[in-house]
Amino acid sequence: MKNVNKGLVLVLGTAIISGFSVFLNKFVVSAISNSDIFTTVKNLTVGLVLTVLILLPLYFSKLKKIRLSEWLKLVLIGIIGGSIPFVLFFKGLSLTSASSAGLIHKSLFIWVSILAVWFLGEKIGRLQYMALGLLFLGNFAMLGFKMFNLSLGELLVLAATLMWAIEFVIAKKVMANVAAEIVAWARMFCGSIILLGYLFFTNQIGNLITLNSNQWLWVMISSFLLLGYVLTWYKALAKLPAVTVASILVIASPITTCLDLIYSHKINFYQLGGSALIVMAVILLIYSYKKINESQISEQFN
């Protein structure tokens, strides 16, 4: 039970960090107009920090115990989690509306739930199904009940979302034997190497040295938040079912909405209503998961 509570605290921390990051990244994108450069520099910065971390004796000794099959999965996480989907997402975002992209990206918990049931053997109870339904309705309401038409931009965002969902499942399997910090390092370091290659082949590599001091300040702030995000996210995923983690992370949307409201002083009733539904869903999800966990512990002792 102690691990469960710790996992819930970690994933709620991840959601809070995510909510603040989305809000701040709006200012970062304005300061750094090239999303490819921003993503690469941010991911590379976090990758280098995590490299220093895993070189410490506590983690470096664990690297020697990782099997070849696990190394291949770590590299795969870097490809489908830390590099290609970022390029697809931002390219898709430039070709479609932010509301459509947002709805598609926020469907991540649905895809993770499907994959977790099929490939991880996770079970979803009645209360959890109700919570997942409320999450979807809440996200739909936040975007004003707008539909999308599967344009090229929306398909690119969907492809990125599906890749991140697959990453969830692979990471959950790998962390049965590999420390969460090492998995986070693989995602960010391997992913940033691939992103550097992408910049090279698209003739953007030279733009890395053109960032000014103000832009670097924004990069450092965003990198600090990303570092906290990946560490708390993977550590939570190691302790909780993938469905639970992916679903609770949706509460980041109401956090961003509250920050937007404070900053702009503009009230959007769709967003307020959707946020309320999402908060209710997350509370129901946490309650149902703890109830299931308690009953399982009780059965073990009886």
Protein backbone atom coordinates (compact mmCIF):
# COMPACT_ATOMS: atom_id res chain seq x y z
CA MET A 1 0.00 0.00 0.00
CA LYS A 2 2.92 2.32 0.72
CA ASN A 3 4.18 1.89 -2.86
CA VAL A 4 0.69 2.63 -4.20
CA ASN A 5 0.44 5.90 -2.26
CA LYS A 6 3.94 6.89 -3.32
CA GLY A 7 3.09 6.10 -6.94
CA LEU A 8 -0.07 8.23 -6.75
CA VAL A 9 1.88 11.15 -5.27
CA LEU A 10 4.48 10.81 -8.03
CA VAL A 11 1.96 10.75 -10.89
CA LEU A 12 0.07 13.72 -9.42
CA GLY A 13 3.42 15.51 -9.25
CA THR A 14 3.99 14.63 -12.91
CA ALA A 15 0.58 16.05 -13.82
CA ILE A 16 1.30 19.30 -11.96
CA ILE A 17 4.65 19.66 -13.72
CA SER A 18 2.97 18.92 -17.06
CA GLY A 19 0.27 21.53 -16.44
CA PHE A 20 2.85 24.22 -15.68
CA SER A 21 5.05 23.12 -18.61
CA VAL A 22 2.28 23.41 -21.19
CA PHE A 23 1.47 26.91 -19.90
CA LEU A 24 5.12 28.06 -19.92
CA ASN A 25 5.91 26.45 -23.27
CA LYS A 26 3.56 28.92 -24.93
CA PHE A 27 6.01 31.66 -23.96
CA VAL A 28 9.00 29.51 -24.92
CA VAL A 29 7.61 28.89 -28.42
CA SER A 30 7.22 32.66 -28.81
CA ALA A 31 10.82 33.22 -27.71
CA ILE A 32 12.20 30.37 -29.85
CA SER A 33 10.24 30.32 -33.11
CA ASN A 34 11.80 27.05 -34.35
CA SER A 35 10.11 24.13 -32.55
CA ASP A 36 12.67 21.63 -33.91
CA ILE A 37 15.55 23.58 -32.33
CA PHE A 38 13.67 24.06 -29.06
CA THR A 39 12.74 20.39 -28.75
CA THR A 40 16.24 19.18 -29.59
CA VAL A 41 18.07 21.54 -27.23
CA LYS A 42 15.62 20.85 -24.39
CA ASN A 43 15.78 17.06 -24.80
CA LEU A 44 19.56 17.09 -25.19
CA THR A 45 19.98 19.18 -22.02
CA VAL A 46 17.87 16.73 -20.01
CA GLY A 47 19.66 13.78 -21.65
CA LEU A 48 23.06 15.14 -20.57
CA VAL A 49 21.87 15.76 -16.99
CA LEU A 50 20.53 12.20 -16.80
CA THR A 51 23.82 10.91 -18.24
CA VAL A 52 25.65 12.45 -15.28
CA LEU A 53 23.09 10.85 -12.95
CA ILE A 54 23.43 7.30 -14.26
CA LEU A 55 27.23 7.53 -14.21
CA LEU A 56 27.00 7.65 -10.42
CA PRO A 57 27.99 4.31 -8.79
CA LEU A 58 24.40 3.58 -7.71
CA TYR A 59 23.14 3.43 -11.30
CA PHE A 60 26.30 2.70 -13.28
CA SER A 61 26.62 -0.70 -11.61
CA LYS A 62 23.09 -1.51 -12.80
CA LEU A 63 23.97 -0.79 -16.43
CA LYS A 64 26.20 -3.87 -16.52
CA LYS A 65 23.24 -6.10 -15.58
CA ILE A 66 21.02 -4.94 -18.45
CA ARG A 67 20.54 -7.65 -21.09
CA LEU A 68 20.83 -7.08 -24.84
CA SER A 69 17.06 -7.45 -25.35
CA GLU A 70 16.47 -4.75 -22.73
CA TRP A 71 19.04 -2.45 -24.36
CA LEU A 72 17.16 -2.81 -27.65
CA LYS A 73 13.92 -1.82 -25.91
CA LEU A 74 15.63 1.19 -24.32
CA VAL A 75 16.82 2.37 -27.73
CA LEU A 76 13.29 1.81 -29.07
CA ILE A 77 11.91 4.00 -26.28
CA GLY A 78 14.31 6.73 -27.39
CA ILE A 79 13.03 6.41 -30.97
CA ILE A 80 9.27 6.20 -30.39
CA GLY A 81 9.17 8.25 -27.18
CA GLY A 82 11.93 10.82 -27.24
CA SER A 83 12.38 11.80 -30.88
CA ILE A 84 10.13 10.94 -33.85
CA PRO A 85 6.77 11.71 -32.17
CA PHE A 86 7.98 15.19 -31.20
CA VAL A 87 8.75 15.97 -34.85
CA LEU A 88 5.40 14.52 -35.97
CA PHE A 89 3.45 16.35 -33.27
CA PHE A 90 4.86 19.80 -33.92
CA LYS A 91 4.63 19.37 -37.69
CA GLY A 92 1.00 18.27 -37.30
CA LEU A 93 0.32 21.20 -34.98
CA SER A 94 1.52 23.58 -37.70
CA LEU A 95 -0.97 22.05 -40.19
CA THR A 96 -4.10 21.87 -38.04
CA SER A 97 -5.90 23.79 -35.30
CA ALA A 98 -4.64 23.69 -31.73
CA SER A 99 -8.06 22.47 -30.54
CA SER A 100 -8.07 19.46 -32.88
CA ALA A 101 -4.46 18.60 -32.02
CA GLY A 102 -5.26 18.97 -28.33
CA LEU A 103 -8.22 16.60 -28.46
CA ILE A 104 -6.22 13.97 -30.35
CA HIS A 105 -3.23 14.23 -28.00
CA LYS A 106 -5.45 14.09 -24.93
CA SER A 107 -6.82 10.76 -26.22
CA LEU A 108 -3.50 9.19 -25.13
CA PHE A 109 -5.11 7.59 -22.07
CA ILE A 110 -7.56 5.72 -24.33
CA TRP A 111 -4.82 4.14 -26.44
CA VAL A 112 -2.72 3.34 -23.37
CA SER A 113 -5.75 1.65 -21.77
CA ILE A 114 -6.36 -0.52 -24.84
CA LEU A 115 -2.70 -1.52 -25.16
CA ALA A 116 -2.32 -2.12 -21.40
CA VAL A 117 -5.26 -4.53 -21.37
CA TRP A 118 -3.96 -6.42 -24.42
CA PHE A 119 -0.22 -6.51 -23.76
CA LEU A 120 0.18 -5.96 -20.00
CA GLY A 121 -2.84 -7.93 -18.82
CA GLU A 122 -4.18 -4.97 -16.83
CA LYS A 123 -7.83 -5.15 -15.82
CA ILE A 124 -10.31 -2.28 -15.86
CA GLY A 125 -13.23 -2.33 -13.44
CA ARG A 126 -16.66 -0.72 -13.73
CA LEU A 127 -15.70 2.41 -11.78
CA GLN A 128 -12.58 2.81 -13.90
CA TYR A 129 -14.63 2.59 -17.09
CA MET A 130 -16.87 5.34 -15.71
CA ALA A 131 -13.80 7.45 -14.92
CA LEU A 132 -12.37 6.93 -18.42
CA GLY A 133 -15.72 7.98 -19.91
CA LEU A 134 -15.75 11.14 -17.79
CA LEU A 135 -12.16 11.91 -18.86
CA PHE A 136 -13.10 11.71 -22.52
CA LEU A 137 -16.22 13.82 -22.01
CA GLY A 138 -14.22 16.36 -20.00
CA ASN A 139 -11.59 16.72 -22.71
CA PHE A 140 -14.25 16.98 -25.40
CA ALA A 141 -16.05 19.69 -23.38
CA MET A 142 -12.83 21.67 -22.81
CA LEU A 143 -12.40 21.98 -26.56
CA GLY A 144 -15.96 23.18 -27.10
CA PHE A 145 -17.25 19.85 -28.45
CA LYS A 146 -15.38 20.47 -31.73
CA MET A 147 -14.88 17.58 -34.12
CA PHE A 148 -11.88 16.82 -36.35
CA ASN A 149 -11.76 15.55 -39.94
CA LEU A 150 -8.50 13.55 -40.03
CA SER A 151 -6.53 15.97 -42.18
CA LEU A 152 -2.80 15.42 -42.71
CA GLY A 153 -1.99 17.53 -39.66
CA GLU A 154 -4.40 15.60 -37.46
CA LEU A 155 -3.09 12.27 -38.74
CA LEU A 156 0.46 13.33 -37.84
CA VAL A 157 -0.66 14.26 -34.30
CA LEU A 158 -2.51 10.94 -34.04
CA ALA A 159 0.63 9.05 -35.16
CA ALA A 160 2.67 10.83 -32.47
CA THR A 161 0.04 10.04 -29.83
CA LEU A 162 -0.03 6.35 -30.77
CA MET A 163 3.78 6.19 -30.55
CA TRP A 164 3.70 7.69 -27.07
CA ALA A 165 1.05 5.12 -26.10
CA ILE A 166 3.28 2.28 -27.32
CA GLU A 167 6.16 3.81 -25.34
CA PHE A 168 4.01 3.55 -22.18
CA VAL A 169 3.64 -0.21 -22.62
CA ILE A 170 7.28 -0.88 -23.53
CA ALA A 171 8.55 1.25 -20.63
CA LYS A 172 6.24 -0.56 -18.20
CA LYS A 173 7.63 -3.93 -19.32
CA VAL A 174 11.27 -2.78 -19.23
CA MET A 175 10.97 -1.31 -15.73
CA ALA A 176 10.28 -4.77 -14.34
CA ASN A 177 14.08 -5.20 -14.46
CA VAL A 178 15.54 -1.76 -15.25
CA ALA A 179 15.57 1.30 -12.96
CA ALA A 180 13.22 4.13 -13.91
CA GLU A 181 16.12 6.61 -13.99
CA ILE A 182 17.92 4.51 -16.62
CA VAL A 183 14.77 4.25 -18.74
CA ALA A 184 14.32 8.04 -18.50
CA TRP A 185 17.95 8.50 -19.58
CA ALA A 186 17.50 6.20 -22.58
CA ARG A 187 14.41 8.11 -23.69
CA MET A 188 16.00 11.54 -23.49
CA PHE A 189 19.60 10.78 -24.51
CA CYS A 190 18.90 8.38 -27.38
CA GLY A 191 16.00 10.54 -28.49
CA SER A 192 18.10 13.70 -28.56
CA ILE A 193 20.81 11.99 -30.63
CA ILE A 194 18.15 11.11 -33.22
CA LEU A 195 16.82 14.68 -33.11
CA LEU A 196 20.34 16.01 -33.73
CA GLY A 197 20.52 13.75 -36.78
CA TYR A 198 17.18 15.13 -37.96
CA LEU A 199 18.48 18.71 -37.64
CA PHE A 200 21.60 17.76 -39.60
CA PHE A 201 19.69 16.22 -42.50
CA THR A 202 17.24 19.14 -42.63
CA ASN A 203 20.09 21.70 -42.61
CA GLN A 204 19.04 23.19 -39.25
CA ILE A 205 22.02 22.11 -37.15
CA GLY A 206 23.69 25.52 -37.48
CA ASN A 207 20.73 27.20 -35.79
CA LEU A 208 21.74 25.63 -32.47
CA ILE A 209 24.48 28.22 -31.95
CA THR A 210 22.26 31.19 -32.77
CA LEU A 211 20.27 31.07 -29.52
CA ASN A 212 20.69 34.20 -27.40
CA SER A 213 20.90 34.44 -23.61
CA ASN A 214 17.16 35.09 -23.20
CA GLN A 215 16.31 32.01 -25.30
CA TRP A 216 18.77 29.87 -23.33
CA LEU A 217 17.10 31.00 -20.10
CA TRP A 218 13.75 29.75 -21.40
CA VAL A 219 15.39 26.49 -22.51
CA MET A 220 16.85 25.94 -19.04
CA ILE A 221 13.50 26.55 -17.33
CA SER A 222 11.71 24.21 -19.73
CA SER A 223 14.48 21.59 -19.40
CA PHE A 224 14.23 21.67 -15.60
CA LEU A 225 10.50 20.98 -15.82
CA LEU A 226 11.03 18.22 -18.39
CA LEU A 227 13.63 16.58 -16.15
CA GLY A 228 11.15 16.53 -13.27
CA TYR A 229 8.43 15.26 -15.59
CA VAL A 230 10.29 12.23 -16.97
CA LEU A 231 11.73 11.18 -13.60
CA THR A 232 8.42 11.35 -11.70
CA TRP A 233 6.49 9.86 -14.64
CA TYR A 234 8.67 6.78 -15.04
CA LYS A 235 8.96 6.21 -11.29
CA ALA A 236 5.16 6.40 -11.02
CA LEU A 237 4.76 4.03 -13.97
CA ALA A 238 7.06 1.54 -12.26
CA LYS A 239 4.72 1.46 -9.24
CA LEU A 240 1.25 1.82 -10.82
CA PRO A 241 -0.69 0.30 -13.75
CA ALA A 242 -0.20 2.10 -17.07
CA VAL A 243 -3.95 2.81 -17.30
CA THR A 244 -3.91 4.59 -13.94
CA VAL A 245 -0.84 6.69 -14.76
CA ALA A 246 -2.03 7.73 -18.24
CA SER A 247 -5.49 8.64 -16.93
CA ILE A 248 -4.34 10.68 -13.91
CA LEU A 249 -1.98 12.65 -16.15
CA VAL A 250 -5.03 14.12 -17.89
CA ILE A 251 -5.54 16.38 -14.85
CA ALA A 252 -2.68 18.46 -16.28
CA SER A 253 -5.25 20.06 -18.62
CA PRO A 254 -7.31 21.71 -15.84
CA ILE A 255 -4.06 22.93 -14.24
CA THR A 256 -3.03 24.63 -17.50
CA THR A 257 -6.56 26.01 -17.86
CA CYS A 258 -6.42 27.56 -14.37
CA LEU A 259 -3.07 29.18 -15.14
CA ASP A 260 -4.45 30.53 -18.43
CA LEU A 261 -7.46 31.92 -16.59
CA ILE A 262 -5.26 33.68 -14.01
CA TYR A 263 -3.01 35.08 -16.75
CA SER A 264 -5.65 36.19 -19.27
CA HIS A 265 -8.56 36.95 -16.90
CA LYS A 266 -10.87 35.37 -19.51
CA ILE A 267 -13.47 32.81 -18.46
CA ASN A 268 -14.27 29.96 -20.83
CA PHE A 269 -17.26 28.00 -19.51
CA TYR A 270 -16.50 25.01 -21.76
CA GLN A 271 -13.05 24.77 -20.20
CA LEU A 272 -14.37 25.21 -16.67
CA GLY A 273 -17.01 22.51 -17.18
CA GLY A 274 -14.54 20.15 -18.83
CA SER A 275 -12.01 20.75 -16.06
CA ALA A 276 -14.61 19.87 -13.42
CA LEU A 277 -15.42 16.60 -15.21
CA ILE A 278 -11.72 15.70 -15.48
CA VAL A 279 -11.11 16.38 -11.77
CA MET A 280 -14.15 14.23 -10.88
CA ALA A 281 -12.86 11.45 -13.15
CA VAL A 282 -9.39 11.48 -11.59
CA ILE A 283 -10.84 11.40 -8.06
CA LEU A 284 -13.05 8.45 -9.06
CA LEU A 285 -10.08 6.72 -10.70
CA ILE A 286 -7.86 7.09 -7.62
CA TYR A 287 -10.69 5.91 -5.35
CA SER A 288 -11.44 2.86 -7.50
CA TYR A 289 -7.77 1.91 -7.83
CA LYS A 290 -7.13 2.16 -4.08
CA LYS A 291 -10.29 0.16 -3.42
CA ILE A 292 -9.17 -2.60 -5.81
CA ASN A 293 -5.68 -2.60 -4.30
CA GLU A 294 -7.04 -2.84 -0.75
CA SER A 295 -9.31 -5.77 -1.68
CA GLN A 296 -6.36 -7.59 -3.29
CA ILE A 297 -4.27 -7.12 -0.14
CA SER A 298 -7.19 -8.35 1.98
CA GLU A 299 -7.53 -11.49 -0.17
CA GLN A 300 -3.81 -12.26 0.24
CA PHE A 301 -4.15 -12.25 4.03
CA ASN A 302 -7.36 -14.32 4.10
